[in-house]
Each structure stands twice: as structure tokens, then as C-alpha cells.
């Protein structure tokens, strides 16, 4: 799936905030995965990662995203996770994740195992996800222009009258 196809799934109003866009990422991921997707913003300081998508045994997903005061930053992280899904990258599970437990002890142990394996994504997959996320970010954050209706002949005459007399040099 390419970024244009994913972008078309977003239904954001013109005045949407980054926070609104974050919520929409969860909805789009849910649609693509055909499963329940929950977004959780957690402290991941010193964890060496900023986000991860975890699939639970019941088929639901949780996207863990670094808790940042900037919704723009959170959006970038979530779009990266969405990119992995759109590109068909499957989260890799490792044996334990004990090292991460010391950094982010509040996460469930099953999540720790998956987060530990997260670093097993190849550099190519990470680079592809980052490029995909960057393209989505550009599409989502570029200024939206609405179609400006053409002025009627009457409105044009009024506008010309308000502009004052034309001076020819």
C-alpha cells in the first residue's frame, strides 16, 4: 500500500489539530489491521525507542508512543508505526526484554519482549517506514486550500468600483 492510498483513509477537517490527526492514525491502523487498535502514550525516556506496535493474543493491538508535550512529535511517531503496518512489517518478538524492563518498568512483560525485538527490524525496513511516514506527514500537515468560488460578474463590477479609477501611464 502506498502513502496516497493510506492518506485517502484520513478524514480530517480543515481545522484539525495534530491531536486530532493522532486519533485518526489509530482509526486508520484499526481499519488496515481489521482489529481494535488502542493508542497509549507512555514515558519512554532512555528506552532507545519512541514507539512500537504490539499485537495481543486476542487479536487487538496497542500502539505505544512516547509521551511528548508536542502532539506534532507524537504524530510523527504514530505515522512511523502506521507506515510499518502499511508496508506489511510484522513486529518481531524476542525472548525476554529484560534490558528494557529497567528503562520502562511500567510496561507489561509481554510488551517488553516485543519492544526488545523491535530493534530487529532491518535498517532497510526502518528507513522505508521513516520515508513513508515523512510523506504522510507532509500530506497531512501541508496547508489545505479550499476551492475559491469564481466571482460573479456583478461581484467583479463591485470589486472594480471599490478599487477606484484605473490610471493609465
Protein backbone atom coordinates (compact mmCIF):
# COMPACT_ATOMS: atom_id res chain seq x y z
CA UNK A 1 0.00 0.00 0.00
CA UNK A 2 1.41 3.42 -0.86
CA UNK A 3 1.14 6.66 1.11
CA UNK A 4 -1.53 8.10 -1.21
CA UNK A 5 -3.80 5.12 -0.52
CA UNK A 6 -3.22 5.44 3.22
CA UNK A 7 -3.70 9.24 3.11
CA UNK A 8 -7.09 8.78 1.43
CA UNK A 9 -8.28 6.93 4.54
CA UNK A 10 -7.82 10.04 6.68
CA UNK A 11 -10.94 12.12 7.20
CA UNK A 12 -9.67 15.24 8.90
CA UNK A 13 -11.50 18.56 8.79
CA UNK A 14 -9.58 21.61 7.56
CA UNK A 15 -9.12 22.90 11.11
CA UNK A 16 -7.93 19.58 12.55
CA UNK A 17 -5.23 19.69 15.21
CA UNK A 18 -2.21 17.41 15.49
CA UNK A 19 -4.04 15.72 18.35
CA UNK A 20 -6.99 15.03 16.02
CA UNK A 21 -4.57 13.61 13.47
CA UNK A 22 -3.08 11.31 16.13
CA UNK A 23 -6.53 9.92 16.89
CA UNK A 24 -7.12 9.44 13.18
CA UNK A 25 -3.88 7.41 12.89
CA UNK A 26 -5.36 4.95 15.41
CA UNK A 27 -8.58 4.73 13.38
CA UNK A 28 -6.69 4.16 10.12
CA UNK A 29 -4.49 1.50 11.73
CA UNK A 30 -7.62 -0.21 13.06
CA UNK A 31 -9.09 -0.20 9.56
CA UNK A 32 -5.92 -1.57 7.96
CA UNK A 33 -5.41 -4.24 10.60
CA UNK A 34 -9.12 -5.08 10.79
CA UNK A 35 -8.79 -5.10 14.57
CA UNK A 36 -9.13 -2.90 17.62
CA UNK A 37 -6.20 -0.52 17.98
CA UNK A 38 -5.56 1.43 21.17
CA UNK A 39 -3.07 4.29 21.39
CA UNK A 40 -1.13 4.61 24.65
CA UNK A 41 1.19 7.48 25.38
CA UNK A 42 3.84 6.42 27.87
CA UNK A 43 7.17 7.67 29.15
CA UNK A 44 9.95 6.01 27.17
CA UNK A 45 12.85 8.13 28.28
CA UNK A 46 16.19 6.41 27.81
CA UNK A 47 14.50 3.42 26.14
CA UNK A 48 16.23 3.96 22.82
CA UNK A 49 12.89 3.93 21.01
CA UNK A 50 9.90 6.17 20.69
CA UNK A 51 7.13 3.84 19.61
CA UNK A 52 6.06 0.26 19.00
CA UNK A 53 3.01 -1.64 17.85
CA UNK A 54 2.09 -4.71 19.86
CA UNK A 55 -0.37 -7.44 18.86
CA UNK A 56 -2.06 -9.23 21.73
CA UNK A 57 -3.33 -12.81 21.76
CA UNK A 58 -6.94 -11.65 21.46
CA UNK A 59 -6.07 -10.03 18.10
CA UNK A 60 -6.17 -6.45 19.37
CA UNK A 61 -3.27 -4.04 19.02
CA UNK A 62 -1.77 -1.38 21.24
CA UNK A 63 0.46 1.30 19.81
CA UNK A 64 2.86 2.58 22.45
CA UNK A 65 4.03 6.10 21.71
CA UNK A 66 6.49 8.23 23.64
CA UNK A 67 4.61 10.72 25.77
CA UNK A 68 5.70 14.09 24.46
CA UNK A 69 4.29 17.53 25.18
CA UNK A 70 4.27 18.06 21.41
CA UNK A 71 1.36 16.49 19.53
CA UNK A 72 3.32 17.10 16.32
CA UNK A 73 6.11 14.88 17.67
CA UNK A 74 3.59 12.23 18.73
CA UNK A 75 2.04 12.35 15.25
CA UNK A 76 5.43 11.66 13.67
CA UNK A 77 5.92 8.61 15.89
CA UNK A 78 2.42 7.28 15.21
CA UNK A 79 2.82 7.78 11.46
CA UNK A 80 6.02 5.75 11.63
CA UNK A 81 4.10 2.92 13.32
CA UNK A 82 1.33 3.24 10.73
CA UNK A 83 3.95 3.06 7.99
CA UNK A 84 5.20 -0.28 9.34
CA UNK A 85 1.63 -1.62 9.15
CA UNK A 86 1.03 -0.25 5.65
CA UNK A 87 4.31 -1.73 4.45
CA UNK A 88 3.47 -5.15 5.92
CA UNK A 89 6.24 -5.15 8.54
CA UNK A 90 5.45 -7.58 11.35
CA UNK A 91 6.63 -6.77 14.89
CA UNK A 92 9.40 -9.11 15.94
CA UNK A 93 9.24 -10.74 19.38
CA UNK A 94 12.36 -11.60 21.33
CA UNK A 95 12.88 -13.91 24.27
CA UNK A 96 12.54 -11.58 27.26
CA UNK A 97 13.20 -7.87 27.00
CA UNK A 98 14.77 -7.73 30.47
CA UNK A 99 17.09 -4.88 29.43
CA UNK A 100 14.20 -2.63 28.54
CA UNK A 101 12.41 -3.52 31.77
CA UNK A 102 14.94 -1.37 33.63
CA UNK A 103 14.24 1.60 31.38
CA UNK A 104 10.46 1.39 31.08
CA UNK A 105 9.40 -0.77 34.06
CA UNK A 106 5.73 0.20 33.88
CA UNK A 107 5.10 -1.71 30.62
CA UNK A 108 3.70 -5.27 30.76
CA UNK A 109 6.31 -8.02 30.35
CA UNK A 110 4.79 -9.27 27.09
CA UNK A 111 5.11 -5.81 25.66
CA UNK A 112 8.71 -5.68 26.83
CA UNK A 113 9.53 -8.77 24.80
CA UNK A 114 8.08 -7.26 21.67
CA UNK A 115 9.74 -3.89 22.24
CA UNK A 116 13.07 -5.62 22.75
CA UNK A 117 12.63 -7.37 19.43
CA UNK A 118 11.62 -4.13 17.78
CA UNK A 119 15.25 -3.35 17.16
CA UNK A 120 15.39 -6.46 14.99
CA UNK A 121 13.72 -4.61 12.12
CA UNK A 122 16.29 -4.26 9.42
CA UNK A 123 17.72 -0.86 8.67
CA UNK A 124 16.01 -1.07 5.28
CA UNK A 125 12.60 -1.59 6.91
CA UNK A 126 13.17 1.25 9.35
CA UNK A 127 14.32 3.55 6.56
CA UNK A 128 11.30 2.60 4.41
CA UNK A 129 8.92 3.22 7.32
CA UNK A 130 10.55 6.57 8.06
CA UNK A 131 10.31 7.70 4.42
CA UNK A 132 6.68 6.56 4.23
CA UNK A 133 5.88 8.39 7.49
CA UNK A 134 7.61 11.55 6.24
CA UNK A 135 5.49 11.50 3.07
CA UNK A 136 2.32 11.05 5.11
CA UNK A 137 3.34 13.84 7.47
CA UNK A 138 3.87 16.19 4.54
CA UNK A 139 0.46 15.35 3.10
CA UNK A 140 -1.30 15.72 6.45
CA UNK A 141 0.35 18.96 7.51
CA UNK A 142 0.60 20.90 4.28
CA UNK A 143 -1.74 23.87 4.17
CA UNK A 144 -5.16 22.87 2.97
CA UNK A 145 -6.68 25.12 0.38
CA UNK A 146 -10.35 25.12 -0.29
CA UNK A 147 -11.67 25.84 -3.74
CA UNK A 148 -12.31 29.54 -4.09
CA UNK A 149 -15.54 30.08 -5.96
CA UNK A 150 -15.40 32.29 -9.02
CA UNK A 151 -16.82 35.73 -8.54
CA UNK A 152 -19.97 36.58 -10.40
CA UNK A 153 -19.90 39.38 -12.96
CA UNK A 154 -21.80 41.60 -10.52
CA UNK A 155 -19.28 40.96 -7.73
CA UNK A 156 -16.41 41.72 -10.12
CA UNK A 157 -18.02 45.11 -11.04
CA UNK A 158 -18.42 45.94 -7.34
CA UNK A 159 -14.79 44.97 -6.64
CA UNK A 160 -13.55 47.09 -9.57
CA UNK A 161 -15.64 50.04 -8.36
CA UNK A 162 -14.15 49.77 -4.89
CA UNK A 163 -10.64 49.65 -6.32
CA UNK A 164 -11.07 53.16 -7.74
CA UNK A 165 -10.34 54.59 -11.16
CA UNK A 166 -7.60 52.99 -13.23
CA UNK A 167 -4.79 55.31 -14.15
CA UNK A 168 -3.02 54.79 -17.42
CA UNK A 169 0.53 55.95 -17.68
